[in-house]
N, C-alpha and C. Protein backbone atom coordinates (compact mmCIF):
# COMPACT_ATOMS: atom_id res chain seq x y z
N MET A 1 2.94 -15.97 -1.71
CA MET A 1 1.66 -15.39 -2.03
C MET A 1 1.82 -13.96 -2.54
N ALA A 2 2.67 -13.19 -1.93
CA ALA A 2 2.87 -11.81 -2.36
C ALA A 2 3.46 -11.75 -3.76
N LYS A 3 4.30 -12.71 -4.09
CA LYS A 3 4.88 -12.71 -5.42
C LYS A 3 3.81 -12.87 -6.48
N LYS A 4 2.81 -13.69 -6.21
CA LYS A 4 1.75 -13.91 -7.17
C LYS A 4 0.94 -12.63 -7.37
N VAL A 5 0.65 -11.90 -6.29
CA VAL A 5 -0.10 -10.65 -6.40
C VAL A 5 0.70 -9.62 -7.17
N VAL A 6 1.97 -9.48 -6.85
CA VAL A 6 2.82 -8.50 -7.52
C VAL A 6 2.99 -8.86 -8.99
N ALA A 7 3.16 -10.15 -9.29
CA ALA A 7 3.35 -10.57 -10.67
C ALA A 7 2.11 -10.29 -11.51
N SER A 8 0.93 -10.44 -10.93
CA SER A 8 -0.29 -10.19 -11.70
C SER A 8 -0.49 -8.70 -11.95
N LEU A 9 0.06 -7.84 -11.13
CA LEU A 9 -0.09 -6.39 -11.32
C LEU A 9 0.89 -5.85 -12.36
N GLN A 10 1.89 -6.62 -12.74
CA GLN A 10 2.91 -6.14 -13.65
C GLN A 10 2.53 -6.33 -15.12
N LYS A 11 1.40 -6.91 -15.41
CA LYS A 11 0.98 -7.12 -16.79
C LYS A 11 0.49 -5.81 -17.38
N GLY A 12 0.70 -5.63 -18.67
CA GLY A 12 0.15 -4.45 -19.33
C GLY A 12 1.16 -3.32 -19.42
N GLU A 13 0.88 -2.22 -18.77
CA GLU A 13 1.66 -0.99 -18.92
C GLU A 13 2.95 -0.98 -18.12
N GLY A 14 3.25 -2.03 -17.44
CA GLY A 14 4.43 -2.06 -16.60
C GLY A 14 4.05 -1.95 -15.15
N ARG A 15 4.94 -1.51 -14.34
CA ARG A 15 4.68 -1.43 -12.90
C ARG A 15 4.02 -0.10 -12.57
N VAL A 16 2.71 -0.11 -12.53
CA VAL A 16 1.97 1.12 -12.23
C VAL A 16 1.34 1.07 -10.84
N PHE A 17 1.46 -0.06 -10.14
CA PHE A 17 0.93 -0.19 -8.79
C PHE A 17 2.06 -0.51 -7.82
N THR A 18 1.92 -0.03 -6.58
CA THR A 18 2.91 -0.26 -5.54
C THR A 18 2.21 -0.68 -4.26
N LYS A 19 2.79 -1.65 -3.55
CA LYS A 19 2.24 -2.06 -2.26
C LYS A 19 2.80 -1.13 -1.20
N CYS A 20 1.92 -0.39 -0.51
CA CYS A 20 2.33 0.58 0.50
C CYS A 20 1.94 0.07 1.88
N ILE A 21 2.83 0.27 2.84
CA ILE A 21 2.59 -0.12 4.22
C ILE A 21 2.72 1.12 5.08
N LYS A 22 1.65 1.43 5.84
CA LYS A 22 1.60 2.65 6.64
C LYS A 22 1.35 2.29 8.10
N MET A 23 2.06 2.96 9.03
CA MET A 23 1.83 2.78 10.46
C MET A 23 0.76 3.76 10.91
N VAL A 24 -0.24 3.24 11.63
CA VAL A 24 -1.35 4.07 12.11
C VAL A 24 -1.48 3.86 13.61
N LYS A 25 -1.57 4.97 14.35
CA LYS A 25 -1.70 4.89 15.80
C LYS A 25 -3.16 4.78 16.19
N SER A 26 -3.47 3.81 17.03
CA SER A 26 -4.83 3.60 17.51
C SER A 26 -5.17 4.65 18.56
N GLU A 27 -6.36 5.22 18.44
CA GLU A 27 -6.78 6.24 19.41
C GLU A 27 -7.17 5.62 20.75
N LYS A 28 -7.68 4.40 20.74
CA LYS A 28 -8.13 3.76 21.97
C LYS A 28 -6.96 3.30 22.84
N THR A 29 -6.04 2.54 22.24
CA THR A 29 -4.97 1.93 23.04
C THR A 29 -3.64 2.66 22.94
N GLY A 30 -3.46 3.46 21.90
CA GLY A 30 -2.19 4.15 21.72
C GLY A 30 -1.14 3.31 21.03
N SER A 31 -1.48 2.07 20.69
CA SER A 31 -0.51 1.21 20.01
C SER A 31 -0.58 1.45 18.50
N TYR A 32 0.45 1.01 17.80
CA TYR A 32 0.52 1.20 16.36
C TYR A 32 0.10 -0.08 15.64
N THR A 33 -0.58 0.09 14.53
CA THR A 33 -0.93 -1.02 13.65
C THR A 33 -0.45 -0.68 12.25
N PHE A 34 -0.34 -1.69 11.43
CA PHE A 34 0.13 -1.50 10.06
C PHE A 34 -1.03 -1.71 9.09
N GLN A 35 -1.17 -0.79 8.15
CA GLN A 35 -2.16 -0.91 7.09
C GLN A 35 -1.44 -1.11 5.78
N GLU A 36 -1.80 -2.16 5.07
CA GLU A 36 -1.21 -2.46 3.77
C GLU A 36 -2.25 -2.24 2.70
N GLU A 37 -1.83 -1.62 1.61
CA GLU A 37 -2.75 -1.37 0.51
C GLU A 37 -1.95 -1.29 -0.78
N ILE A 38 -2.55 -1.73 -1.87
CA ILE A 38 -1.93 -1.63 -3.18
C ILE A 38 -2.49 -0.37 -3.84
N VAL A 39 -1.58 0.56 -4.16
CA VAL A 39 -1.97 1.90 -4.60
C VAL A 39 -1.34 2.18 -5.97
N HIS A 40 -2.07 2.91 -6.80
CA HIS A 40 -1.53 3.35 -8.09
C HIS A 40 -0.39 4.34 -7.83
N ASN A 41 0.62 4.32 -8.68
CA ASN A 41 1.80 5.17 -8.46
C ASN A 41 1.47 6.65 -8.40
N ASP A 42 0.41 7.09 -9.06
CA ASP A 42 0.05 8.51 -9.03
C ASP A 42 -0.57 8.93 -7.70
N HIS A 43 -1.02 7.98 -6.89
CA HIS A 43 -1.73 8.30 -5.65
C HIS A 43 -0.96 7.92 -4.38
N ILE A 44 0.33 7.66 -4.50
CA ILE A 44 1.11 7.23 -3.33
C ILE A 44 1.21 8.35 -2.30
N LYS A 45 1.51 9.56 -2.73
CA LYS A 45 1.64 10.67 -1.78
C LYS A 45 0.32 10.96 -1.08
N ASP A 46 -0.78 10.85 -1.80
CA ASP A 46 -2.10 11.06 -1.19
C ASP A 46 -2.37 10.01 -0.13
N TYR A 47 -1.97 8.76 -0.38
CA TYR A 47 -2.20 7.69 0.58
C TYR A 47 -1.45 7.95 1.89
N PHE A 48 -0.22 8.41 1.81
CA PHE A 48 0.56 8.63 3.02
C PHE A 48 0.21 9.94 3.72
N ASN A 49 -0.37 10.91 3.02
CA ASN A 49 -0.74 12.18 3.65
C ASN A 49 -2.07 12.11 4.38
N ASP A 50 -2.87 11.09 4.15
CA ASP A 50 -4.17 10.97 4.84
C ASP A 50 -4.01 10.56 6.26
């Protein structure tokens, strides 16, 4: 399934999108969860700094 999503994003200008996975700590339980998002290459640093 992931291959199909990645393959569809590669059309046009080349690889301008990246799938980013970030660990986020829950305030209620203290456990970590993972957030996945497809981000434009120009906004990767902004995504991880939030």
